[in-house]
Amino acid sequence: MFLLAGEWFSYTGGRTGPSPVAEFPFAQFMVTIANASLLNDLESPREQGLAEARAIQIGMLPQGPLRTADVTVCYPFQPFHEVGGDFLDSFTLTAGVIGIYLGDVTGKGLPAALYAALEGTLRGVHKTGTPPMVLSTVNRRVMLRGVSLRYAAVQYGCFDPRTGILRIARAGREGPLILSARGCRGLELRGIPPGMFPETDYESETVQLERGDSVIFLSDGFSESQNSTGDFVGMERVQEVCESLREKTPEEILCGMTEAVVSYCCYRPRQDDRTAAILRYLPNDLGAEASPAG
């Protein structure tokens, strides 16, 4: 008796009488072998393809934190599957202005990741104007392609460290959060996610940041995680956690946010992609050397 492809088989040879294990018809035996071989043939390319897709998606993310003399931007990217539907980027624009966006595609897995690749092109259209104009351009481009019934919520901001002014537009997501000495508050902007209606206007808000303030962009993998009884973390609890971590470094704030959500969810496996990014307007005595940024 031996085990093959999850099935037990017996070989009685010249022995007479019933086998201790019910005899398996030879034709079914061969079909089982063929199915096992086919399954292996299918699984191997699939796993390889997902690994390659994962590598491509990582390659589309910022290659480490963005650091200038006045600003630090860092992030964690935690997909639910091998690939995820969240996307983000940060980059320097003209005159030292920092551009940053974070998006969250409906759904999970490879289809969401492919749609994220389509939507995650704000770097290529950032020269089209203000954040609302950029989101409008992205919306028109996505509508022209008409490739999916999915949509993506997006937050896009431009920060000028010379003046401390942040201009931001939002399309279908809560936040971002402003963390300052006065506490943690969410910006209340309205906007329809790109890809839903052909002619969509986006409103923006201008925020005056002080040195030491942070702007936290996050996907709903934080606020919409659930504990064992089905209760959501909620944005209010996320804000409370961030406020308690205000004196920490951006990296420590991100780690603390993740740990708080994981703890609230009783260390259950993630139910969604979980991505966040922090832009910290550095105090004068904490300026860092600028790193290369696209």
Protein backbone atom coordinates (compact mmCIF):
# COMPACT_ATOMS: atom_id res chain seq x y z
CA MET A 1 0.00 0.00 0.00
CA PHE A 2 1.32 3.44 -0.89
CA LEU A 3 0.21 7.07 -1.04
CA LEU A 4 0.12 8.96 -4.34
CA ALA A 5 -1.44 12.35 -5.02
CA GLY A 6 -3.38 12.18 -1.79
CA GLU A 7 -4.89 8.72 -2.53
CA TRP A 8 -4.02 5.35 -1.02
CA PHE A 9 -3.34 2.45 -3.44
CA SER A 10 -2.66 -1.23 -2.82
CA TYR A 11 -0.78 -3.83 -4.80
CA THR A 12 -1.59 -7.45 -3.91
CA GLY A 13 0.82 -9.22 -6.29
CA GLY A 14 0.20 -12.96 -6.22
CA ARG A 15 -1.63 -12.90 -2.92
CA THR A 16 -5.19 -14.10 -3.03
CA GLY A 17 -8.10 -12.84 -1.04
CA PRO A 18 -9.33 -9.30 -0.36
CA SER A 19 -6.82 -6.52 0.12
CA PRO A 20 -6.72 -4.71 3.48
CA VAL A 21 -7.37 -1.61 1.44
CA ALA A 22 -10.09 -1.63 -1.20
CA GLU A 23 -8.51 -2.24 -4.60
CA PHE A 24 -8.39 0.79 -6.85
CA PRO A 25 -9.40 0.23 -10.51
CA PHE A 26 -6.36 0.66 -12.75
CA ALA A 27 -8.05 3.16 -15.08
CA GLN A 28 -8.97 5.40 -12.16
CA PHE A 29 -5.46 4.96 -10.82
CA MET A 30 -4.01 6.34 -14.07
CA VAL A 31 -6.51 9.21 -14.20
CA THR A 32 -5.48 10.22 -10.69
CA ILE A 33 -1.83 10.25 -11.73
CA ALA A 34 -2.63 12.33 -14.82
CA ASN A 35 -4.70 14.82 -12.80
CA ALA A 36 -1.96 15.19 -10.21
CA SER A 37 0.59 15.85 -12.93
CA LEU A 38 -1.70 18.38 -14.64
CA LEU A 39 -2.33 20.16 -11.34
CA ASN A 40 1.39 20.47 -10.74
CA ASP A 41 1.91 21.75 -14.28
CA LEU A 42 -0.78 24.40 -13.73
CA GLU A 43 0.26 25.44 -10.24
CA SER A 44 3.92 25.99 -11.05
CA PRO A 45 3.40 28.61 -13.81
CA ARG A 46 0.68 30.27 -11.74
CA GLU A 47 2.95 30.63 -8.73
CA GLN A 48 5.76 31.84 -10.93
CA GLY A 49 3.46 34.38 -12.57
CA LEU A 50 2.28 35.69 -9.19
CA ALA A 51 5.87 35.98 -7.99
CA GLU A 52 6.75 37.98 -11.10
CA ALA A 53 3.66 40.17 -10.66
CA ARG A 54 4.67 40.77 -7.05
CA ALA A 55 8.18 41.81 -8.15
CA ILE A 56 6.76 44.16 -10.79
CA GLN A 57 4.38 45.76 -8.29
CA ILE A 58 7.17 46.29 -5.77
CA GLY A 59 9.22 47.85 -8.55
CA MET A 60 6.42 50.39 -9.11
CA LEU A 61 6.55 51.53 -5.48
CA PRO A 62 8.94 54.20 -4.17
CA GLN A 63 12.37 52.70 -3.68
CA GLY A 64 12.71 53.54 -0.01
CA PRO A 65 11.82 56.74 1.87
CA LEU A 66 11.97 60.11 0.17
CA ARG A 67 14.13 62.49 2.19
CA THR A 68 14.93 66.15 1.61
CA ALA A 69 16.26 68.81 3.94
CA ASP A 70 12.67 69.66 4.95
CA VAL A 71 10.55 66.56 4.37
CA THR A 72 10.55 62.82 5.01
CA VAL A 73 8.06 60.48 3.33
CA CYS A 74 7.95 56.79 4.25
CA TYR A 75 5.43 53.98 3.92
CA PRO A 76 4.57 50.30 4.57
CA PHE A 77 2.92 48.22 1.82
CA GLN A 78 1.16 45.06 2.99
CA PRO A 79 -0.91 43.32 0.28
CA PHE A 80 -3.58 40.81 1.23
CA HIS A 81 -2.45 38.36 -1.45
CA GLU A 82 0.83 38.05 -3.34
CA VAL A 83 -0.17 41.28 -5.07
CA GLY A 84 -2.53 43.99 -3.91
CA GLY A 85 -4.89 46.69 -5.06
CA ASP A 86 -3.26 49.57 -3.15
CA PHE A 87 -0.84 51.90 -4.89
CA LEU A 88 1.22 54.90 -3.86
CA ASP A 89 4.12 57.08 -4.87
CA SER A 90 6.01 60.17 -3.74
CA PHE A 91 8.27 62.39 -5.81
CA THR A 92 9.77 65.84 -6.09
CA LEU A 93 8.23 68.39 -8.43
CA THR A 94 9.56 71.77 -9.49
CA ALA A 95 10.93 74.18 -6.89
CA GLY A 96 11.21 71.43 -4.26
CA VAL A 97 7.47 70.74 -4.05
CA ILE A 98 6.68 67.19 -2.92
CA GLY A 99 3.94 65.20 -4.65
CA ILE A 100 2.38 62.22 -2.89
CA TYR A 101 -0.61 59.99 -3.66
CA LEU A 102 -2.18 56.83 -2.28
CA GLY A 103 -4.96 54.82 -3.91
CA ASP A 104 -7.12 51.85 -2.98
CA VAL A 105 -8.77 49.70 -5.67
CA THR A 106 -11.99 47.86 -4.88
CA GLY A 107 -11.36 44.15 -4.46
CA LYS A 108 -8.16 42.21 -3.90
CA GLY A 109 -5.64 40.07 -5.70
CA LEU A 110 -4.36 40.15 -9.25
CA PRO A 111 -7.30 41.96 -10.96
CA ALA A 112 -7.13 44.74 -8.38
CA ALA A 113 -3.35 44.91 -8.79
CA LEU A 114 -3.64 45.26 -12.57
CA TYR A 115 -6.21 48.02 -12.16
CA ALA A 116 -3.92 49.69 -9.63
CA ALA A 117 -1.17 49.69 -12.25
CA LEU A 118 -3.54 51.48 -14.64
CA GLU A 119 -4.62 54.05 -12.06
CA GLY A 120 -1.23 54.53 -10.45
CA THR A 121 0.04 56.93 -13.09
CA LEU A 122 -0.31 60.27 -11.33
CA ARG A 123 3.45 60.71 -11.56
CA GLY A 124 2.98 60.87 -15.31
CA VAL A 125 0.21 63.50 -15.20
CA HIS A 126 1.29 65.63 -12.25
CA LYS A 127 2.32 68.46 -14.58
CA THR A 128 -1.27 68.93 -15.71
CA GLY A 129 -1.95 71.33 -12.85
CA THR A 130 -3.35 71.38 -9.33
CA PRO A 131 -4.39 68.20 -7.45
CA PRO A 132 -8.06 68.52 -8.55
CA MET A 133 -6.98 68.96 -12.17
CA VAL A 134 -4.69 65.93 -11.91
CA LEU A 135 -7.49 63.71 -10.58
CA SER A 136 -9.78 64.95 -13.36
CA THR A 137 -7.15 63.99 -15.93
CA VAL A 138 -6.76 60.53 -14.41
CA ASN A 139 -10.54 60.11 -14.44
CA ARG A 140 -10.77 60.95 -18.14
CA ARG A 141 -7.96 58.54 -19.01
CA VAL A 142 -9.50 55.68 -17.06
CA MET A 143 -12.93 56.32 -18.58
CA LEU A 144 -11.47 56.25 -22.10
CA ARG A 145 -10.00 52.80 -21.50
CA GLY A 146 -13.17 51.36 -19.97
CA VAL A 147 -11.41 48.15 -18.95
CA SER A 148 -13.16 47.26 -15.72
CA LEU A 149 -16.12 47.77 -13.45
CA ARG A 150 -13.68 48.42 -10.64
CA TYR A 151 -12.78 51.84 -9.33
CA ALA A 152 -10.10 53.29 -7.09
CA ALA A 153 -10.30 55.81 -4.28
CA VAL A 154 -7.36 58.22 -4.43
CA GLN A 155 -5.77 60.92 -2.27
CA TYR A 156 -3.28 63.27 -3.96
CA GLY A 157 -1.41 66.14 -2.36
CA CYS A 158 1.32 68.64 -3.21
CA PHE A 159 3.37 70.09 -0.36
CA ASP A 160 5.58 73.17 -0.65
CA PRO A 161 8.14 73.12 2.18
CA ARG A 162 9.09 76.75 1.51
CA THR A 163 5.67 77.94 2.67
CA GLY A 164 4.40 74.90 4.61
CA ILE A 165 1.28 74.80 2.42
CA LEU A 166 -0.31 71.47 1.50
CA ARG A 167 -2.82 71.38 -1.36
CA ILE A 168 -4.79 68.17 -1.49
CA ALA A 169 -7.66 66.57 -3.39
CA ARG A 170 -9.48 63.38 -2.56
CA ALA A 171 -11.62 60.97 -4.54
CA GLY A 172 -13.65 58.56 -2.47
CA ARG A 173 -11.49 57.92 0.60
CA GLU A 174 -11.50 59.06 4.21
CA GLY A 175 -8.57 61.19 5.25
CA PRO A 176 -5.80 61.97 5.01
CA LEU A 177 -5.08 62.73 8.65
CA ILE A 178 -3.27 65.83 9.89
CA LEU A 179 -1.18 65.09 12.98
CA SER A 180 0.01 68.18 14.85
CA ALA A 181 0.53 69.58 18.33
CA ARG A 182 -3.23 70.28 18.36
CA GLY A 183 -4.10 66.61 17.88
CA CYS A 184 -5.10 64.41 14.95
CA ARG A 185 -7.90 65.37 12.58
CA GLY A 186 -9.19 64.09 9.27
CA LEU A 187 -9.73 66.26 6.23
CA GLU A 188 -13.33 66.20 5.04
CA LEU A 189 -13.18 66.35 1.27
CA ARG A 190 -15.66 64.95 -1.21
CA GLY A 191 -14.96 63.36 -4.55
CA ILE A 192 -16.06 60.47 -6.75
CA PRO A 193 -13.44 57.80 -7.45
CA PRO A 194 -11.90 58.00 -10.95
CA GLY A 195 -13.44 55.66 -13.49
CA MET A 196 -17.09 56.00 -12.49
CA PHE A 197 -18.38 59.05 -14.40
CA PRO A 198 -16.83 60.80 -17.42
CA GLU A 199 -17.14 64.39 -16.22
CA THR A 200 -16.19 64.70 -12.58
CA ASP A 201 -14.95 67.74 -10.70
CA TYR A 202 -12.82 67.43 -7.58
CA GLU A 203 -12.58 69.86 -4.72
CA SER A 204 -9.38 70.59 -2.87
CA GLU A 205 -8.31 71.92 0.49
CA THR A 206 -5.32 74.02 1.47
CA VAL A 207 -3.70 73.24 4.82
CA GLN A 208 -1.01 75.27 6.54
CA LEU A 209 1.46 72.89 8.16
CA GLU A 210 3.92 73.79 10.88
CA ARG A 211 7.32 72.17 11.22
CA GLY A 212 6.93 68.89 13.07
CA ASP A 213 3.45 68.25 11.63
CA SER A 214 2.68 65.04 9.73
CA VAL A 215 0.18 64.11 7.03
CA ILE A 216 -0.95 60.47 7.12
CA PHE A 217 -2.36 58.85 3.99
CA LEU A 218 -3.92 55.43 4.50
CA SER A 219 -6.04 52.81 2.78
CA ASP A 220 -9.17 51.31 4.33
CA GLY A 221 -7.21 48.21 5.36
CA PHE A 222 -6.61 50.06 8.63
CA SER A 223 -10.01 51.50 9.50
CA GLU A 224 -12.08 48.62 8.08
CA SER A 225 -10.22 45.73 9.71
CA GLN A 226 -12.49 43.70 12.00
CA ASN A 227 -12.04 41.90 15.28
CA SER A 228 -13.42 38.45 16.14
CA THR A 229 -16.90 39.87 16.86
CA GLY A 230 -17.08 41.78 13.57
CA ASP A 231 -16.45 45.25 14.98
CA PHE A 232 -14.47 47.60 12.74
CA VAL A 233 -11.38 49.44 13.91
CA GLY A 234 -12.88 52.68 12.60
CA MET A 235 -11.20 55.93 11.64
CA GLU A 236 -11.79 57.46 15.06
CA ARG A 237 -9.73 54.74 16.73
CA VAL A 238 -7.00 55.14 14.11
CA GLN A 239 -6.87 58.87 14.90
CA GLU A 240 -6.59 58.16 18.62
CA VAL A 241 -3.67 55.80 17.99
CA CYS A 242 -1.91 58.34 15.78
CA GLU A 243 -2.40 61.10 18.35
CA SER A 244 -0.82 58.92 21.04
CA LEU A 245 2.22 58.45 18.78
CA ARG A 246 2.65 62.09 17.79
CA GLU A 247 6.12 62.46 19.34
CA LYS A 248 7.42 59.36 17.55
CA THR A 249 9.30 59.21 14.27
CA PRO A 250 7.30 58.56 11.07
CA GLU A 251 8.55 54.97 10.99
CA GLU A 252 7.51 54.43 14.60
CA ILE A 253 4.07 55.93 13.94
CA LEU A 254 3.52 53.54 11.01
CA CYS A 255 4.65 50.57 13.09
CA GLY A 256 2.43 51.66 15.98
CA MET A 257 -0.60 52.01 13.69
CA THR A 258 -0.08 48.51 12.32
CA GLU A 259 0.48 46.98 15.75
CA ALA A 260 -2.66 48.66 17.13
CA VAL A 261 -4.81 47.32 14.29
CA VAL A 262 -3.34 43.82 14.53
CA SER A 263 -3.92 43.80 18.29
CA TYR A 264 -7.51 45.05 17.96
CA CYS A 265 -8.18 42.30 15.42
CA CYS A 266 -6.87 39.69 17.87
CA TYR A 267 -3.97 38.86 15.55
CA ARG A 268 -6.29 37.42 12.93
CA PRO A 269 -4.97 37.24 9.35
CA ARG A 270 -5.34 40.45 7.33
CA GLN A 271 -8.67 40.83 5.54
CA ASP A 272 -7.53 43.48 3.05
CA ASP A 273 -4.52 45.29 1.68
CA ARG A 274 -3.05 47.62 4.27
CA THR A 275 -1.02 50.61 3.08
CA ALA A 276 -0.12 53.96 4.63
CA ALA A 277 2.33 56.78 4.00
CA ILE A 278 3.48 59.63 6.22
CA LEU A 279 4.78 63.00 5.08
CA ARG A 280 6.61 64.69 7.95
CA TYR A 281 7.47 68.40 7.75
CA LEU A 282 10.77 68.28 9.57
CA PRO A 283 11.73 70.68 12.35
CA ASN A 284 14.63 72.92 11.44
CA ASP A 285 17.09 70.97 13.58
CA LEU A 286 16.17 67.61 12.00
CA GLY A 287 16.82 68.35 8.35
CA ALA A 288 18.29 65.45 6.43
CA GLU A 289 20.37 65.15 3.33
CA ALA A 290 18.25 64.93 0.19
CA SER A 291 17.98 61.53 -1.44
CA PRO A 292 17.46 60.98 -5.16
CA ALA A 293 13.81 61.15 -6.13
CA GLY A 294 12.07 61.00 -9.48
